[in-house]
């Protein structure tokens, strides 16, 4: 599955994600500068991304844990999500995300 990711400098890269993996894992494995300190346990907000228009409504609703973690993130917007909570699947093929500021 394809992920179109824009880094903090505005460079856009198309990366591949494995079905069942999270977007965070795909970003990290592709070498994008995402910290992901908790390794995907939804216990930090260091994998914060902005989900581009048209994709946010296709994602499952945020769980309470994700909302709580985003409360601690920097520069949260209406389209903010934790990339560790977005699972790569046919439904997310082609998703566009931008790394949020650290």
N, C-alpha and C. Protein backbone atom coordinates (compact mmCIF):
# COMPACT_ATOMS: atom_id res chain seq x y z
N UNK A 1 0.83 -1.18 0.00
CA UNK A 1 0.00 0.00 0.00
C UNK A 1 0.87 1.23 0.00
N UNK A 2 0.40 2.26 -0.61
CA UNK A 2 1.17 3.48 -0.82
C UNK A 2 0.81 4.53 0.24
N UNK A 3 1.85 5.23 0.70
CA UNK A 3 1.70 6.37 1.61
C UNK A 3 2.46 7.53 0.98
N UNK A 4 1.82 8.68 0.88
CA UNK A 4 2.49 9.87 0.37
C UNK A 4 2.76 10.75 1.58
N UNK A 5 4.03 10.89 1.92
CA UNK A 5 4.43 11.60 3.13
C UNK A 5 5.23 12.84 2.80
N UNK A 6 4.90 13.93 3.49
CA UNK A 6 5.63 15.18 3.35
C UNK A 6 6.37 15.43 4.65
N UNK A 7 7.69 15.65 4.54
CA UNK A 7 8.48 15.88 5.75
C UNK A 7 8.36 17.33 6.21
N UNK A 8 9.06 17.68 7.26
CA UNK A 8 8.96 19.02 7.84
C UNK A 8 9.61 20.10 6.99
N UNK A 9 10.35 19.69 5.96
CA UNK A 9 10.96 20.65 5.04
C UNK A 9 10.15 20.81 3.76
N UNK A 10 9.02 20.11 3.68
CA UNK A 10 8.16 20.22 2.51
C UNK A 10 8.46 19.23 1.40
N UNK A 11 9.41 18.30 1.64
CA UNK A 11 9.74 17.29 0.63
C UNK A 11 8.73 16.15 0.72
N UNK A 12 8.15 15.81 -0.43
CA UNK A 12 7.16 14.74 -0.49
C UNK A 12 7.80 13.47 -1.03
N UNK A 13 7.52 12.36 -0.35
CA UNK A 13 8.07 11.06 -0.71
C UNK A 13 6.95 10.04 -0.75
N UNK A 14 6.97 9.18 -1.75
CA UNK A 14 6.02 8.08 -1.80
C UNK A 14 6.70 6.85 -1.22
N UNK A 15 6.09 6.26 -0.20
CA UNK A 15 6.67 5.09 0.45
C UNK A 15 5.66 3.95 0.43
N UNK A 16 6.15 2.77 0.66
CA UNK A 16 5.29 1.59 0.72
C UNK A 16 5.07 1.18 2.17
N UNK A 17 3.85 0.83 2.48
CA UNK A 17 3.52 0.31 3.79
C UNK A 17 3.01 -1.11 3.64
N UNK A 18 3.31 -1.94 4.60
CA UNK A 18 2.85 -3.32 4.58
C UNK A 18 1.46 -3.41 5.19
N UNK A 19 0.60 -4.21 4.59
CA UNK A 19 -0.75 -4.40 5.08
C UNK A 19 -0.71 -4.86 6.55
N UNK A 20 -1.45 -4.17 7.39
CA UNK A 20 -1.48 -4.50 8.81
C UNK A 20 -0.49 -3.73 9.66
N UNK A 21 0.52 -3.13 9.03
CA UNK A 21 1.46 -2.28 9.76
C UNK A 21 0.78 -0.93 10.01
N UNK A 22 1.42 -0.12 10.83
CA UNK A 22 0.91 1.24 11.02
C UNK A 22 1.67 2.19 10.10
N UNK A 23 1.07 3.33 9.86
CA UNK A 23 1.73 4.36 9.07
C UNK A 23 3.04 4.77 9.75
N UNK A 24 3.04 4.81 11.08
CA UNK A 24 4.26 5.15 11.82
C UNK A 24 5.39 4.20 11.48
N UNK A 25 5.11 2.91 11.45
CA UNK A 25 6.15 1.92 11.13
C UNK A 25 6.68 2.14 9.72
N UNK A 26 5.80 2.43 8.79
CA UNK A 26 6.22 2.66 7.41
C UNK A 26 7.07 3.92 7.30
N UNK A 27 6.66 4.99 7.97
CA UNK A 27 7.44 6.23 7.94
C UNK A 27 8.83 6.02 8.54
N UNK A 28 8.87 5.35 9.68
CA UNK A 28 10.15 5.10 10.37
C UNK A 28 11.06 4.23 9.51
N UNK A 29 10.50 3.14 8.97
CA UNK A 29 11.32 2.22 8.17
C UNK A 29 11.79 2.83 6.87
N UNK A 30 11.07 3.85 6.38
CA UNK A 30 11.48 4.53 5.15
C UNK A 30 12.54 5.60 5.43
N UNK A 31 12.86 5.80 6.71
CA UNK A 31 13.91 6.75 7.07
C UNK A 31 13.43 8.18 7.26
N UNK A 32 12.13 8.39 7.31
CA UNK A 32 11.64 9.74 7.57
C UNK A 32 11.89 10.08 9.04
N UNK A 33 12.13 11.36 9.32
CA UNK A 33 12.50 11.76 10.68
C UNK A 33 11.32 11.82 11.64
N UNK A 34 10.82 10.66 12.02
CA UNK A 34 9.73 10.57 12.98
C UNK A 34 10.27 9.85 14.21
N UNK A 35 10.11 10.45 15.38
CA UNK A 35 10.73 9.93 16.58
C UNK A 35 10.08 8.64 17.07
N UNK A 36 8.78 8.64 17.22
CA UNK A 36 8.03 7.45 17.66
C UNK A 36 8.66 6.82 18.91
N UNK A 37 8.83 7.63 19.93
CA UNK A 37 9.53 7.20 21.15
C UNK A 37 8.94 5.97 21.81
N UNK A 38 7.62 5.83 21.80
CA UNK A 38 7.00 4.70 22.49
C UNK A 38 6.88 3.47 21.61
N UNK A 39 7.31 3.57 20.37
CA UNK A 39 7.29 2.43 19.47
C UNK A 39 5.91 2.03 18.98
N UNK A 40 4.95 2.91 19.12
CA UNK A 40 3.62 2.62 18.61
C UNK A 40 2.61 2.20 19.66
N UNK A 41 2.91 2.44 20.93
CA UNK A 41 2.02 2.03 22.02
C UNK A 41 0.98 3.09 22.38
N UNK A 42 0.93 4.17 21.61
CA UNK A 42 0.00 5.28 21.87
C UNK A 42 0.25 5.85 23.27
N UNK A 43 1.55 5.97 23.62
CA UNK A 43 1.93 6.47 24.94
C UNK A 43 2.77 7.74 24.85
N UNK A 44 2.84 8.32 23.67
CA UNK A 44 3.52 9.60 23.48
C UNK A 44 2.85 10.26 22.27
N UNK A 45 3.36 11.37 21.82
CA UNK A 45 2.77 12.01 20.64
C UNK A 45 3.85 12.33 19.62
N UNK A 46 4.94 11.57 19.65
CA UNK A 46 6.07 11.88 18.79
C UNK A 46 5.94 11.32 17.38
N UNK A 47 4.79 10.73 17.06
CA UNK A 47 4.53 10.28 15.68
C UNK A 47 3.36 11.07 15.08
N UNK A 48 3.14 12.25 15.63
CA UNK A 48 2.05 13.14 15.23
C UNK A 48 2.18 13.52 13.75
N UNK A 49 1.09 13.36 13.01
CA UNK A 49 1.04 13.76 11.60
C UNK A 49 -0.25 14.53 11.35
N UNK A 50 -0.25 15.25 10.24
CA UNK A 50 -1.47 15.88 9.73
C UNK A 50 -1.95 15.02 8.57
N UNK A 51 -3.20 14.62 8.61
CA UNK A 51 -3.79 13.81 7.55
C UNK A 51 -4.43 14.76 6.54
N UNK A 52 -4.06 14.60 5.29
CA UNK A 52 -4.52 15.53 4.26
C UNK A 52 -6.01 15.38 4.00
N UNK A 53 -6.59 16.45 3.49
CA UNK A 53 -8.02 16.53 3.19
C UNK A 53 -8.49 15.34 2.36
N UNK A 54 -9.64 14.83 2.72
CA UNK A 54 -10.21 13.69 2.01
C UNK A 54 -9.88 12.35 2.64
N UNK A 55 -8.87 12.31 3.49
CA UNK A 55 -8.46 11.05 4.12
C UNK A 55 -8.95 10.92 5.55
N UNK A 56 -9.08 12.01 6.24
CA UNK A 56 -9.42 11.96 7.67
C UNK A 56 -10.74 11.22 7.92
N UNK A 57 -11.74 11.49 7.10
CA UNK A 57 -13.05 10.86 7.31
C UNK A 57 -13.06 9.37 6.95
N UNK A 58 -12.02 8.90 6.27
CA UNK A 58 -11.91 7.48 5.92
C UNK A 58 -11.30 6.66 7.05
N UNK A 59 -10.73 7.34 8.04
CA UNK A 59 -10.06 6.65 9.14
C UNK A 59 -11.03 6.34 10.27
N UNK A 60 -10.75 5.28 11.03
CA UNK A 60 -11.57 5.01 12.21
C UNK A 60 -11.51 6.19 13.19
N UNK A 61 -12.56 6.34 13.96
CA UNK A 61 -12.62 7.40 14.97
C UNK A 61 -11.47 7.24 15.96
N UNK A 62 -10.98 8.37 16.45
CA UNK A 62 -9.91 8.33 17.45
C UNK A 62 -10.39 7.68 18.74
N UNK A 63 -9.52 6.85 19.31
CA UNK A 63 -9.80 6.29 20.63
C UNK A 63 -9.42 7.34 21.68
N UNK A 64 -9.93 7.19 22.89
CA UNK A 64 -9.65 8.14 23.97
C UNK A 64 -8.16 8.30 24.22
N UNK A 65 -7.40 7.19 24.12
CA UNK A 65 -5.95 7.25 24.37
C UNK A 65 -5.26 8.18 23.36
N UNK A 66 -5.69 8.12 22.12
CA UNK A 66 -5.08 8.97 21.09
C UNK A 66 -5.43 10.44 21.35
N UNK A 67 -6.67 10.71 21.70
CA UNK A 67 -7.09 12.08 22.00
C UNK A 67 -6.26 12.63 23.17
N UNK A 68 -6.08 11.81 24.21
CA UNK A 68 -5.28 12.23 25.37
C UNK A 68 -3.84 12.55 24.99
N UNK A 69 -3.25 11.72 24.14
CA UNK A 69 -1.86 11.95 23.72
C UNK A 69 -1.75 13.20 22.85
N UNK A 70 -2.71 13.41 21.98
CA UNK A 70 -2.68 14.62 21.14
C UNK A 70 -2.81 15.89 21.96
N UNK A 71 -3.44 15.79 23.14
CA UNK A 71 -3.53 16.94 24.03
C UNK A 71 -2.14 17.41 24.47
N UNK A 72 -1.15 16.53 24.40
CA UNK A 72 0.22 16.87 24.80
C UNK A 72 1.11 17.23 23.61
N UNK A 73 0.59 17.11 22.41
CA UNK A 73 1.39 17.34 21.20
C UNK A 73 1.51 18.83 20.90
N UNK A 74 2.50 19.15 20.08
CA UNK A 74 2.74 20.52 19.64
C UNK A 74 1.97 20.76 18.35
N UNK A 75 1.41 21.95 18.20
CA UNK A 75 0.78 22.40 16.95
C UNK A 75 -0.33 21.47 16.45
N UNK A 76 -1.20 21.06 17.36
CA UNK A 76 -2.33 20.19 17.01
C UNK A 76 -3.33 20.96 16.15
N UNK A 77 -3.82 20.30 15.12
CA UNK A 77 -4.82 20.87 14.23
C UNK A 77 -6.01 19.91 14.14
N UNK A 78 -7.06 20.33 13.47
CA UNK A 78 -8.25 19.48 13.32
C UNK A 78 -7.94 18.17 12.61
N UNK A 79 -6.90 18.16 11.77
CA UNK A 79 -6.55 16.96 11.01
C UNK A 79 -5.38 16.21 11.63
N UNK A 80 -5.09 16.46 12.89
CA UNK A 80 -4.00 15.77 13.59
C UNK A 80 -4.40 14.35 13.95
N UNK A 81 -3.47 13.43 13.75
CA UNK A 81 -3.62 12.04 14.18
C UNK A 81 -2.25 11.53 14.59
N UNK A 82 -2.23 10.46 15.37
CA UNK A 82 -0.99 9.78 15.67
C UNK A 82 -0.83 8.69 14.62
N UNK A 83 0.31 8.69 13.95
CA UNK A 83 0.50 7.74 12.85
C UNK A 83 0.58 6.29 13.35
N UNK A 84 0.82 6.09 14.64
CA UNK A 84 0.82 4.73 15.18
C UNK A 84 -0.59 4.16 15.29
N UNK A 85 -1.59 5.01 15.11
CA UNK A 85 -2.97 4.58 15.21
C UNK A 85 -3.65 4.45 13.85
N UNK A 86 -2.89 4.65 12.79
CA UNK A 86 -3.43 4.51 11.43
C UNK A 86 -2.86 3.23 10.84
N UNK A 87 -3.71 2.26 10.60
CA UNK A 87 -3.28 0.96 10.10
C UNK A 87 -3.30 0.96 8.57
N UNK A 88 -2.22 0.45 7.99
CA UNK A 88 -2.13 0.32 6.54
C UNK A 88 -3.09 -0.77 6.07
N UNK A 89 -3.93 -0.42 5.11
CA UNK A 89 -4.91 -1.37 4.57
C UNK A 89 -5.35 -0.88 3.20
N UNK A 90 -6.21 -1.64 2.56
CA UNK A 90 -6.75 -1.22 1.27
C UNK A 90 -7.46 0.13 1.40
N UNK A 91 -8.12 0.35 2.52
CA UNK A 91 -8.86 1.60 2.74
C UNK A 91 -7.94 2.81 2.87
N UNK A 92 -6.70 2.61 3.28
CA UNK A 92 -5.78 3.74 3.46
C UNK A 92 -4.73 3.80 2.34
N UNK A 93 -4.87 2.98 1.32
CA UNK A 93 -3.92 2.99 0.21
C UNK A 93 -3.93 4.36 -0.47
N UNK A 94 -2.77 5.02 -0.48
CA UNK A 94 -2.64 6.34 -1.08
C UNK A 94 -2.79 7.48 -0.09
N UNK A 95 -2.92 7.17 1.19
CA UNK A 95 -3.11 8.21 2.21
C UNK A 95 -1.97 9.22 2.14
N UNK A 96 -2.32 10.48 2.39
CA UNK A 96 -1.35 11.57 2.38
C UNK A 96 -1.24 12.15 3.77
N UNK A 97 -0.01 12.19 4.30
CA UNK A 97 0.24 12.73 5.62
C UNK A 97 1.43 13.67 5.57
N UNK A 98 1.45 14.61 6.51
CA UNK A 98 2.55 15.54 6.68
C UNK A 98 3.05 15.43 8.11
N UNK A 99 4.35 15.28 8.30
CA UNK A 99 4.91 15.21 9.65
C UNK A 99 4.69 16.53 10.37
N UNK A 100 4.15 16.45 11.57
CA UNK A 100 3.91 17.64 12.38
C UNK A 100 5.22 18.12 13.01
N UNK A 101 5.28 19.39 13.41
CA UNK A 101 6.49 19.88 14.08
C UNK A 101 6.75 19.11 15.37
N UNK A 102 8.04 19.02 15.74
CA UNK A 102 8.38 18.32 16.98
C UNK A 102 8.30 19.28 18.14
